[in-house]
Amino acid sequence: MEIKILEDTGSRLKVELIGKTHTLCNILSKELWSDSNVVIAGYTLEHPTVSNAVLTIEVSKGDAKKALVGAIDRLEKINKEFLSKFKAAAK
């Protein structure tokens, strides 16, 4: 996956996710909303077959990049837990 940073002001971050659409952006934006400092978390996708998703994050305090990394870390933990429980249940 290629990522282009379109805007980074510290409290606001816009990144273009090359080749990604709703699946990744939807879960990222949803997880970002669990951070009390996030005031904007969403994405735009002009057309799913000819454009890339642009994820926008804005925080009231702190750094938007850190908020995104925190959301990714939380999702990674959730995925690892799901994988472990699924493997146990699928035996």
N, C-alpha and C. Protein backbone atom coordinates (compact mmCIF):
# COMPACT_ATOMS: atom_id res chain seq x y z
N MET A 1 0.85 -1.17 0.00
CA MET A 1 0.00 0.00 0.00
C MET A 1 0.90 1.24 0.00
N GLU A 2 0.55 2.17 -0.83
CA GLU A 2 1.26 3.44 -0.86
C GLU A 2 0.42 4.49 -0.14
N ILE A 3 1.07 5.34 0.62
CA ILE A 3 0.40 6.40 1.37
C ILE A 3 1.06 7.73 1.02
N LYS A 4 0.23 8.69 0.67
CA LYS A 4 0.72 10.04 0.40
C LYS A 4 0.13 10.99 1.44
N ILE A 5 1.00 11.73 2.10
CA ILE A 5 0.54 12.75 3.04
C ILE A 5 0.22 14.01 2.24
N LEU A 6 -1.04 14.39 2.26
CA LEU A 6 -1.50 15.55 1.52
C LEU A 6 -1.46 16.83 2.35
N GLU A 7 -1.65 16.68 3.66
CA GLU A 7 -1.65 17.83 4.57
C GLU A 7 -1.25 17.35 5.96
N ASP A 8 -0.38 18.10 6.60
CA ASP A 8 0.04 17.77 7.97
C ASP A 8 0.37 19.07 8.69
N THR A 9 -0.57 19.52 9.52
CA THR A 9 -0.36 20.75 10.28
C THR A 9 -0.13 20.46 11.75
N GLY A 10 -0.01 19.20 12.09
CA GLY A 10 0.11 18.81 13.50
C GLY A 10 -1.23 18.36 14.04
N SER A 11 -2.17 19.28 14.08
CA SER A 11 -3.48 18.91 14.60
C SER A 11 -4.41 18.39 13.49
N ARG A 12 -4.02 18.55 12.23
CA ARG A 12 -4.83 18.08 11.10
C ARG A 12 -3.95 17.28 10.15
N LEU A 13 -4.49 16.14 9.72
CA LEU A 13 -3.75 15.25 8.83
C LEU A 13 -4.68 14.75 7.74
N LYS A 14 -4.22 14.83 6.49
CA LYS A 14 -4.95 14.26 5.35
C LYS A 14 -3.99 13.33 4.63
N VAL A 15 -4.39 12.08 4.48
CA VAL A 15 -3.55 11.11 3.79
C VAL A 15 -4.36 10.42 2.69
N GLU A 16 -3.70 10.22 1.56
CA GLU A 16 -4.30 9.49 0.46
C GLU A 16 -3.81 8.06 0.53
N LEU A 17 -4.74 7.12 0.53
CA LEU A 17 -4.40 5.70 0.62
C LEU A 17 -4.57 5.10 -0.78
N ILE A 18 -3.46 4.93 -1.47
CA ILE A 18 -3.47 4.47 -2.85
C ILE A 18 -3.98 3.03 -2.92
N GLY A 19 -5.02 2.85 -3.73
CA GLY A 19 -5.57 1.51 -3.95
C GLY A 19 -6.51 1.03 -2.85
N LYS A 20 -6.81 1.87 -1.89
CA LYS A 20 -7.70 1.47 -0.80
C LYS A 20 -9.03 2.20 -0.92
N THR A 21 -10.08 1.54 -0.45
CA THR A 21 -11.41 2.12 -0.54
C THR A 21 -12.07 2.08 0.83
N HIS A 22 -13.34 1.77 0.86
CA HIS A 22 -14.14 1.87 2.07
C HIS A 22 -13.68 0.94 3.21
N THR A 23 -13.25 -0.26 2.90
CA THR A 23 -12.99 -1.25 3.94
C THR A 23 -12.00 -0.75 4.99
N LEU A 24 -10.84 -0.34 4.57
CA LEU A 24 -9.82 0.12 5.52
C LEU A 24 -10.19 1.47 6.13
N CYS A 25 -10.64 2.39 5.31
CA CYS A 25 -10.95 3.75 5.80
C CYS A 25 -12.11 3.76 6.77
N ASN A 26 -13.09 2.92 6.54
CA ASN A 26 -14.26 2.88 7.41
C ASN A 26 -13.85 2.45 8.82
N ILE A 27 -13.08 1.39 8.93
CA ILE A 27 -12.69 0.91 10.26
C ILE A 27 -11.72 1.87 10.94
N LEU A 28 -10.84 2.50 10.15
CA LEU A 28 -9.92 3.48 10.74
C LEU A 28 -10.68 4.69 11.28
N SER A 29 -11.59 5.22 10.48
CA SER A 29 -12.32 6.40 10.95
C SER A 29 -13.20 6.07 12.16
N LYS A 30 -13.80 4.88 12.15
CA LYS A 30 -14.62 4.47 13.30
C LYS A 30 -13.77 4.37 14.56
N GLU A 31 -12.60 3.77 14.46
CA GLU A 31 -11.72 3.62 15.63
C GLU A 31 -11.18 4.97 16.08
N LEU A 32 -10.91 5.86 15.16
CA LEU A 32 -10.42 7.19 15.53
C LEU A 32 -11.42 7.92 16.42
N TRP A 33 -12.72 7.69 16.19
CA TRP A 33 -13.75 8.37 17.00
C TRP A 33 -13.74 7.92 18.46
N SER A 34 -13.05 6.83 18.78
CA SER A 34 -12.97 6.42 20.19
C SER A 34 -11.94 7.26 20.96
N ASP A 35 -11.19 8.08 20.27
CA ASP A 35 -10.22 8.99 20.89
C ASP A 35 -10.93 10.30 21.20
N SER A 36 -10.96 10.68 22.46
CA SER A 36 -11.71 11.88 22.87
C SER A 36 -11.13 13.18 22.30
N ASN A 37 -9.89 13.16 21.83
CA ASN A 37 -9.28 14.35 21.24
C ASN A 37 -9.60 14.52 19.76
N VAL A 38 -10.18 13.51 19.13
CA VAL A 38 -10.48 13.57 17.71
C VAL A 38 -11.77 14.37 17.51
N VAL A 39 -11.69 15.41 16.66
CA VAL A 39 -12.87 16.22 16.34
C VAL A 39 -13.34 15.98 14.90
N ILE A 40 -12.45 15.47 14.05
CA ILE A 40 -12.82 15.08 12.69
C ILE A 40 -12.12 13.76 12.38
N ALA A 41 -12.89 12.81 11.90
CA ALA A 41 -12.34 11.54 11.44
C ALA A 41 -13.28 11.02 10.35
N GLY A 42 -12.80 11.03 9.15
CA GLY A 42 -13.62 10.56 8.05
C GLY A 42 -12.80 10.45 6.79
N TYR A 43 -13.45 10.03 5.74
CA TYR A 43 -12.73 9.88 4.48
C TYR A 43 -13.65 10.21 3.32
N THR A 44 -13.02 10.52 2.21
CA THR A 44 -13.76 10.75 0.97
C THR A 44 -13.25 9.77 -0.08
N LEU A 45 -14.15 9.40 -0.95
CA LEU A 45 -13.82 8.50 -2.05
C LEU A 45 -14.71 8.93 -3.22
N GLU A 46 -14.13 9.67 -4.13
CA GLU A 46 -14.93 10.22 -5.21
C GLU A 46 -15.57 9.13 -6.07
N HIS A 47 -14.80 8.08 -6.39
CA HIS A 47 -15.34 6.96 -7.16
C HIS A 47 -14.52 5.73 -6.82
N PRO A 48 -15.17 4.63 -6.44
CA PRO A 48 -14.43 3.47 -5.94
C PRO A 48 -13.53 2.78 -6.96
N THR A 49 -13.76 2.97 -8.24
CA THR A 49 -12.91 2.28 -9.22
C THR A 49 -11.87 3.18 -9.87
N VAL A 50 -11.99 4.50 -9.70
CA VAL A 50 -11.02 5.38 -10.36
C VAL A 50 -10.36 6.39 -9.43
N SER A 51 -10.63 6.32 -8.13
CA SER A 51 -9.99 7.26 -7.21
C SER A 51 -9.52 6.52 -5.96
N ASN A 52 -8.70 7.21 -5.20
CA ASN A 52 -8.19 6.66 -3.94
C ASN A 52 -8.89 7.34 -2.78
N ALA A 53 -8.94 6.65 -1.67
CA ALA A 53 -9.55 7.21 -0.47
C ALA A 53 -8.61 8.25 0.14
N VAL A 54 -9.21 9.31 0.67
CA VAL A 54 -8.46 10.34 1.39
C VAL A 54 -9.03 10.40 2.80
N LEU A 55 -8.20 10.05 3.76
CA LEU A 55 -8.57 10.02 5.17
C LEU A 55 -8.19 11.35 5.81
N THR A 56 -9.13 11.97 6.54
CA THR A 56 -8.89 13.24 7.20
C THR A 56 -9.08 13.08 8.70
N ILE A 57 -8.11 13.57 9.45
CA ILE A 57 -8.14 13.49 10.91
C ILE A 57 -7.80 14.86 11.46
N GLU A 58 -8.57 15.28 12.45
CA GLU A 58 -8.24 16.53 13.15
C GLU A 58 -8.45 16.29 14.64
N VAL A 59 -7.52 16.79 15.44
CA VAL A 59 -7.60 16.62 16.89
C VAL A 59 -7.67 17.97 17.57
N SER A 60 -8.32 18.01 18.73
CA SER A 60 -8.44 19.26 19.49
C SER A 60 -7.16 19.56 20.26
N LYS A 61 -6.45 18.51 20.65
CA LYS A 61 -5.14 18.68 21.28
C LYS A 61 -4.30 17.46 20.95
N GLY A 62 -3.01 17.67 20.93
CA GLY A 62 -2.10 16.59 20.56
C GLY A 62 -1.79 16.62 19.07
N ASP A 63 -1.39 15.48 18.57
CA ASP A 63 -0.93 15.35 17.19
C ASP A 63 -1.81 14.35 16.44
N ALA A 64 -2.27 14.73 15.27
CA ALA A 64 -3.16 13.88 14.48
C ALA A 64 -2.46 12.58 14.06
N LYS A 65 -1.17 12.64 13.77
CA LYS A 65 -0.44 11.41 13.41
C LYS A 65 -0.44 10.43 14.58
N LYS A 66 -0.25 10.94 15.78
CA LYS A 66 -0.26 10.07 16.96
C LYS A 66 -1.64 9.46 17.17
N ALA A 67 -2.68 10.23 16.89
CA ALA A 67 -4.04 9.69 17.00
C ALA A 67 -4.25 8.56 16.02
N LEU A 68 -3.75 8.71 14.80
CA LEU A 68 -3.87 7.65 13.80
C LEU A 68 -3.08 6.42 14.20
N VAL A 69 -1.87 6.61 14.67
CA VAL A 69 -1.05 5.47 15.12
C VAL A 69 -1.74 4.76 16.28
N GLY A 70 -2.33 5.51 17.20
CA GLY A 70 -3.06 4.90 18.32
C GLY A 70 -4.24 4.07 17.84
N ALA A 71 -4.97 4.58 16.87
CA ALA A 71 -6.11 3.83 16.32
C ALA A 71 -5.63 2.55 15.64
N ILE A 72 -4.54 2.63 14.91
CA ILE A 72 -3.98 1.44 14.24
C ILE A 72 -3.54 0.42 15.28
N ASP A 73 -2.88 0.87 16.33
CA ASP A 73 -2.44 -0.04 17.40
C ASP A 73 -3.63 -0.74 18.06
N ARG A 74 -4.71 0.01 18.32
CA ARG A 74 -5.89 -0.60 18.94
C ARG A 74 -6.53 -1.63 18.01
N LEU A 75 -6.59 -1.31 16.73
CA LEU A 75 -7.16 -2.26 15.77
C LEU A 75 -6.30 -3.51 15.64
N GLU A 76 -4.99 -3.34 15.70
CA GLU A 76 -4.09 -4.48 15.65
C GLU A 76 -4.34 -5.41 16.83
N LYS A 77 -4.52 -4.84 18.01
CA LYS A 77 -4.80 -5.63 19.21
C LYS A 77 -6.13 -6.38 19.06
N ILE A 78 -7.15 -5.70 18.57
CA ILE A 78 -8.46 -6.33 18.36
C ILE A 78 -8.35 -7.48 17.36
N ASN A 79 -7.61 -7.27 16.28
CA ASN A 79 -7.45 -8.32 15.26
C ASN A 79 -6.71 -9.53 15.80
N LYS A 80 -5.67 -9.30 16.60
CA LYS A 80 -4.93 -10.41 17.19
C LYS A 80 -5.81 -11.22 18.13
N GLU A 81 -6.61 -10.52 18.93
CA GLU A 81 -7.52 -11.20 19.85
C GLU A 81 -8.56 -12.01 19.08
N PHE A 82 -9.12 -11.43 18.02
CA PHE A 82 -10.10 -12.14 17.20
C PHE A 82 -9.49 -13.38 16.57
N LEU A 83 -8.28 -13.25 16.03
CA LEU A 83 -7.61 -14.38 15.40
C LEU A 83 -7.39 -15.51 16.41
N SER A 84 -6.94 -15.17 17.59
CA SER A 84 -6.69 -16.18 18.64
C SER A 84 -7.98 -16.89 19.02
N LYS A 85 -9.06 -16.12 19.23
CA LYS A 85 -10.33 -16.73 19.63
C LYS A 85 -10.95 -17.53 18.49
N PHE A 86 -10.76 -17.07 17.26
CA PHE A 86 -11.30 -17.82 16.14
C PHE A 86 -10.58 -19.14 15.97
N LYS A 87 -9.25 -19.14 16.09
CA LYS A 87 -8.47 -20.38 15.97
C LYS A 87 -8.91 -21.39 17.04
N ALA A 88 -9.15 -20.91 18.26
CA ALA A 88 -9.59 -21.78 19.34
C ALA A 88 -10.99 -22.35 19.06
N ALA A 89 -11.86 -21.52 18.53
CA ALA A 89 -13.24 -21.95 18.26
C ALA A 89 -13.32 -22.85 17.04
N ALA A 90 -12.39 -22.72 16.11
CA ALA A 90 -12.45 -23.48 14.85
C ALA A 90 -11.80 -24.85 14.95
N LYS A 91 -11.29 -25.22 16.10
CA LYS A 91 -10.64 -26.54 16.26
C LYS A 91 -11.63 -27.65 16.15
